[in-house]
Amino acid sequence: MAAEKRERILIVSDDERQIAPLRELLEHDGYGVWTTWSGREALQEIASKRYDALVVDDYVPDLYVGHLIAKVCSIPSHPCVILVQPQGRKSTVHDFGGPDTFRVVDKAQPFEMVKAMELILQQGAAGRRIERRPVPEGG
């Protein structure tokens, strides 16, 4: 197992097939990972605990994802927001959250998502804009 990292990640998704491999990879890399399917619960978590990143699916069953992201971004010292969506989806980060939102394109590729999240967390605080595209084969 990798050395313990301090970063805490909250994943919001109702798709267990997406969450399970991503959680496993992130925990293996030393991240603290918490999950919920509920956007409302995610807002309560972020308001009461410190998270370094919020990974949110482009569909959350109990709350419009744009509303969730806007609410998160209005919280002082909010976590980096990472929107995950299928490859080929036409919406952009700005359709949902604006400049405080980071984007991982292909939610079916957990290894690419972990690489992108590590890059985002290394590069720092919310407020920096990174448009993340899929990692090329072998890269």
C-alpha atoms as a PDB file:
ATOM      1  CA  MET A   1       0.000   0.000   0.000  1.00  0.00           C
ATOM      2  CA  ALA A   2       1.166   3.535  -0.760  1.00  0.00           C
ATOM      3  CA  ALA A   3       2.151   5.976   1.978  1.00  0.00           C
ATOM      4  CA  GLU A   4      -0.811   7.585   3.729  1.00  0.00           C
ATOM      5  CA  LYS A   5      -1.806  10.898   2.170  1.00  0.00           C
ATOM      6  CA  ARG A   6      -3.751  13.622   3.889  1.00  0.00           C
ATOM      7  CA  GLU A   7      -6.206  14.352   1.109  1.00  0.00           C
ATOM      8  CA  ARG A   8      -9.838  13.505   1.816  1.00  0.00           C
ATOM      9  CA  ILE A   9     -12.140  12.810  -1.121  1.00  0.00           C
ATOM     10  CA  LEU A  10     -15.943  12.663  -1.113  1.00  0.00           C
ATOM     11  CA  ILE A  11     -17.517  10.808  -4.040  1.00  0.00           C
ATOM     12  CA  VAL A  12     -21.160  11.470  -4.956  1.00  0.00           C
ATOM     13  CA  SER A  13     -22.635   8.883  -7.298  1.00  0.00           C
ATOM     14  CA  ASP A  14     -25.498   6.411  -7.333  1.00  0.00           C
ATOM     15  CA  ASP A  15     -23.530   4.034  -9.587  1.00  0.00           C
ATOM     16  CA  GLU A  16     -21.813   1.409  -7.427  1.00  0.00           C
ATOM     17  CA  ARG A  17     -20.029   0.046 -10.530  1.00  0.00           C
ATOM     18  CA  GLN A  18     -18.335   3.436 -10.861  1.00  0.00           C
ATOM     19  CA  ILE A  19     -17.653   4.033  -7.170  1.00  0.00           C
ATOM     20  CA  ALA A  20     -16.176   0.654  -6.195  1.00  0.00           C
ATOM     21  CA  PRO A  21     -13.109   0.587  -8.498  1.00  0.00           C
ATOM     22  CA  LEU A  22     -12.455   4.313  -8.074  1.00  0.00           C
ATOM     23  CA  ARG A  23     -12.639   4.052  -4.282  1.00  0.00           C
ATOM     24  CA  GLU A  24     -10.340   1.031  -4.285  1.00  0.00           C
ATOM     25  CA  LEU A  25      -7.732   2.758  -6.463  1.00  0.00           C
ATOM     26  CA  LEU A  26      -7.818   5.968  -4.425  1.00  0.00           C
ATOM     27  CA  GLU A  27      -7.567   4.132  -1.106  1.00  0.00           C
ATOM     28  CA  HIS A  28      -4.686   2.064  -2.480  1.00  0.00           C
ATOM     29  CA  ASP A  29      -2.930   5.338  -3.330  1.00  0.00           C
ATOM     30  CA  GLY A  30      -3.391   6.533   0.260  1.00  0.00           C
ATOM     31  CA  TYR A  31      -6.388   8.866  -0.017  1.00  0.00           C
ATOM     32  CA  GLY A  32      -9.184   8.947   2.535  1.00  0.00           C
ATOM     33  CA  VAL A  33     -12.380   8.223   0.602  1.00  0.00           C
ATOM     34  CA  TRP A  34     -16.013   8.703   1.642  1.00  0.00           C
ATOM     35  CA  THR A  35     -19.029   8.042  -0.570  1.00  0.00           C
ATOM     36  CA  THR A  36     -22.681   8.990  -0.802  1.00  0.00           C
ATOM     37  CA  TRP A  37     -25.351   8.753  -3.472  1.00  0.00           C
ATOM     38  CA  SER A  38     -27.099  11.887  -2.153  1.00  0.00           C
ATOM     39  CA  GLY A  39     -26.322  15.450  -3.191  1.00  0.00           C
ATOM     40  CA  ARG A  40     -28.066  16.754  -0.078  1.00  0.00           C
ATOM     41  CA  GLU A  41     -25.950  14.529   2.156  1.00  0.00           C
ATOM     42  CA  ALA A  42     -22.829  15.665   0.298  1.00  0.00           C
ATOM     43  CA  LEU A  43     -23.687  19.302   1.065  1.00  0.00           C
ATOM     44  CA  GLN A  44     -24.083  18.478   4.765  1.00  0.00           C
ATOM     45  CA  GLU A  45     -20.754  16.612   4.762  1.00  0.00           C
ATOM     46  CA  ILE A  46     -18.883  19.464   3.074  1.00  0.00           C
ATOM     47  CA  ALA A  47     -20.407  22.045   5.409  1.00  0.00           C
ATOM     48  CA  SER A  48     -19.354  20.072   8.501  1.00  0.00           C
ATOM     49  CA  LYS A  49     -16.055  18.398   7.513  1.00  0.00           C
ATOM     50  CA  ARG A  50     -12.983  19.256   5.491  1.00  0.00           C
ATOM     51  CA  TYR A  51     -12.639  17.556   2.110  1.00  0.00           C
ATOM     52  CA  ASP A  52      -9.930  18.289  -0.422  1.00  0.00           C
ATOM     53  CA  ALA A  53     -11.955  17.078  -3.384  1.00  0.00           C
ATOM     54  CA  LEU A  54     -15.565  16.398  -4.261  1.00  0.00           C
ATOM     55  CA  VAL A  55     -16.000  13.920  -7.094  1.00  0.00           C
ATOM     56  CA  VAL A  56     -19.523  14.272  -8.428  1.00  0.00           C
ATOM     57  CA  ASP A  57     -21.251  12.259 -11.121  1.00  0.00           C
ATOM     58  CA  ASP A  58     -23.028  14.267 -13.801  1.00  0.00           C
ATOM     59  CA  TYR A  59     -26.281  12.798 -12.466  1.00  0.00           C
ATOM     60  CA  VAL A  60     -27.258  12.877  -8.794  1.00  0.00           C
ATOM     61  CA  PRO A  61     -30.723  11.406  -8.079  1.00  0.00           C
ATOM     62  CA  ASP A  62     -31.888  13.791  -5.363  1.00  0.00           C
ATOM     63  CA  LEU A  63     -30.492  17.116  -6.586  1.00  0.00           C
ATOM     64  CA  TYR A  64     -29.716  18.737  -9.931  1.00  0.00           C
ATOM     65  CA  VAL A  65     -25.930  18.499 -10.268  1.00  0.00           C
ATOM     66  CA  GLY A  66     -25.613  22.149 -11.313  1.00  0.00           C
ATOM     67  CA  HIS A  67     -27.374  23.211  -8.115  1.00  0.00           C
ATOM     68  CA  LEU A  68     -25.144  20.913  -6.034  1.00  0.00           C
ATOM     69  CA  ILE A  69     -21.957  22.314  -7.576  1.00  0.00           C
ATOM     70  CA  ALA A  70     -23.128  25.928  -7.228  1.00  0.00           C
ATOM     71  CA  LYS A  71     -23.948  25.342  -3.548  1.00  0.00           C
ATOM     72  CA  VAL A  72     -20.569  23.683  -2.931  1.00  0.00           C
ATOM     73  CA  CYS A  73     -18.708  26.522  -4.659  1.00  0.00           C
ATOM     74  CA  SER A  74     -20.499  29.060  -2.449  1.00  0.00           C
ATOM     75  CA  ILE A  75     -19.050  27.461   0.708  1.00  0.00           C
ATOM     76  CA  PRO A  76     -15.881  29.253   1.876  1.00  0.00           C
ATOM     77  CA  SER A  77     -12.818  27.007   1.545  1.00  0.00           C
ATOM     78  CA  HIS A  78     -14.790  24.519  -0.514  1.00  0.00           C
ATOM     79  CA  PRO A  79     -13.066  21.458  -1.954  1.00  0.00           C
ATOM     80  CA  CYS A  80     -11.953  21.134  -5.537  1.00  0.00           C
ATOM     81  CA  VAL A  81     -14.959  19.907  -7.521  1.00  0.00           C
ATOM     82  CA  ILE A  82     -14.333  17.161 -10.048  1.00  0.00           C
ATOM     83  CA  LEU A  83     -17.197  16.457 -12.427  1.00  0.00           C
ATOM     84  CA  VAL A  84     -17.209  13.009 -13.995  1.00  0.00           C
ATOM     85  CA  GLN A  85     -19.194  12.216 -17.084  1.00  0.00           C
ATOM     86  CA  PRO A  86     -19.178   9.746 -19.964  1.00  0.00           C
ATOM     87  CA  GLN A  87     -16.795  10.157 -22.878  1.00  0.00           C
ATOM     88  CA  GLY A  88     -18.502  12.089 -25.630  1.00  0.00           C
ATOM     89  CA  ARG A  89     -20.889  14.025 -23.371  1.00  0.00           C
ATOM     90  CA  LYS A  90     -21.211  17.509 -24.791  1.00  0.00           C
ATOM     91  CA  SER A  91     -21.686  19.496 -21.596  1.00  0.00           C
ATOM     92  CA  THR A  92     -18.712  21.419 -20.287  1.00  0.00           C
ATOM     93  CA  VAL A  93     -17.550  22.283 -16.821  1.00  0.00           C
ATOM     94  CA  HIS A  94     -19.018  25.737 -17.223  1.00  0.00           C
ATOM     95  CA  ASP A  95     -22.484  24.327 -17.884  1.00  0.00           C
ATOM     96  CA  PHE A  96     -22.438  23.121 -14.277  1.00  0.00           C
ATOM     97  CA  GLY A  97     -20.066  24.970 -12.028  1.00  0.00           C
ATOM     98  CA  GLY A  98     -17.841  27.523 -13.624  1.00  0.00           C
ATOM     99  CA  PRO A  99     -14.206  28.227 -12.885  1.00  0.00           C
ATOM    100  CA  ASP A 100     -14.007  26.391  -9.550  1.00  0.00           C
ATOM    101  CA  THR A 101     -14.923  23.095 -11.169  1.00  0.00           C
ATOM    102  CA  PHE A 102     -12.472  20.584 -12.548  1.00  0.00           C
ATOM    103  CA  ARG A 103     -13.464  17.968 -15.056  1.00  0.00           C
ATOM    104  CA  VAL A 104     -12.641  14.343 -15.617  1.00  0.00           C
ATOM    105  CA  VAL A 105     -14.188  13.279 -18.866  1.00  0.00           C
ATOM    106  CA  ASP A 106     -14.583   9.528 -18.933  1.00  0.00           C
ATOM    107  CA  LYS A 107     -16.164   8.035 -15.830  1.00  0.00           C
ATOM    108  CA  ALA A 108     -15.754   4.522 -17.231  1.00  0.00           C
ATOM    109  CA  GLN A 109     -11.951   4.761 -16.873  1.00  0.00           C
ATOM    110  CA  PRO A 110     -11.068   4.683 -13.145  1.00  0.00           C
ATOM    111  CA  PHE A 111      -7.284   4.658 -13.735  1.00  0.00           C
ATOM    112  CA  GLU A 112      -7.543   7.850 -15.816  1.00  0.00           C
ATOM    113  CA  MET A 113      -9.790   9.411 -13.186  1.00  0.00           C
ATOM    114  CA  VAL A 114      -7.266   8.683 -10.420  1.00  0.00           C
ATOM    115  CA  LYS A 115      -4.402  10.146 -12.480  1.00  0.00           C
ATOM    116  CA  ALA A 116      -6.434  13.280 -13.163  1.00  0.00           C
ATOM    117  CA  MET A 117      -7.458  13.625  -9.503  1.00  0.00           C
ATOM    118  CA  GLU A 118      -3.862  13.318  -8.352  1.00  0.00           C
ATOM    119  CA  LEU A 119      -2.849  16.024 -10.825  1.00  0.00           C
ATOM    120  CA  ILE A 120      -5.644  18.290  -9.643  1.00  0.00           C
ATOM    121  CA  LEU A 121      -4.832  17.757  -5.971  1.00  0.00           C
ATOM    122  CA  GLN A 122      -1.119  18.366  -6.602  1.00  0.00           C
ATOM    123  CA  GLN A 123      -1.814  21.594  -8.452  1.00  0.00           C
ATOM    124  CA  GLY A 124      -3.767  22.987  -5.620  1.00  0.00           C
ATOM    125  CA  ALA A 125      -6.624  24.938  -4.339  1.00  0.00           C
ATOM    126  CA  ALA A 126     -10.117  25.471  -5.597  1.00  0.00           C
ATOM    127  CA  GLY A 127     -10.330  28.409  -7.923  1.00  0.00           C
ATOM    128  CA  ARG A 128      -7.767  27.137 -10.408  1.00  0.00           C
ATOM    129  CA  ARG A 129      -9.288  25.942 -13.627  1.00  0.00           C
ATOM    130  CA  ILE A 130      -8.080  22.727 -15.198  1.00  0.00           C
ATOM    131  CA  GLU A 131      -9.745  21.230 -18.220  1.00  0.00           C
ATOM    132  CA  ARG A 132      -8.771  17.561 -17.990  1.00  0.00           C
ATOM    133  CA  ARG A 133      -8.865  15.351 -21.044  1.00  0.00           C
ATOM    134  CA  PRO A 134      -8.362  11.578 -21.160  1.00  0.00           C
ATOM    135  CA  VAL A 135      -4.796  10.357 -20.709  1.00  0.00           C
ATOM    136  CA  PRO A 136      -3.477   8.955 -24.014  1.00  0.00           C
ATOM    137  CA  GLU A 137      -2.888   5.192 -24.267  1.00  0.00           C
ATOM    138  CA  GLY A 138       0.365   4.245 -22.559  1.00  0.00           C
ATOM    139  CA  GLY A 139       0.674   7.675 -20.941  1.00  0.00           C
END
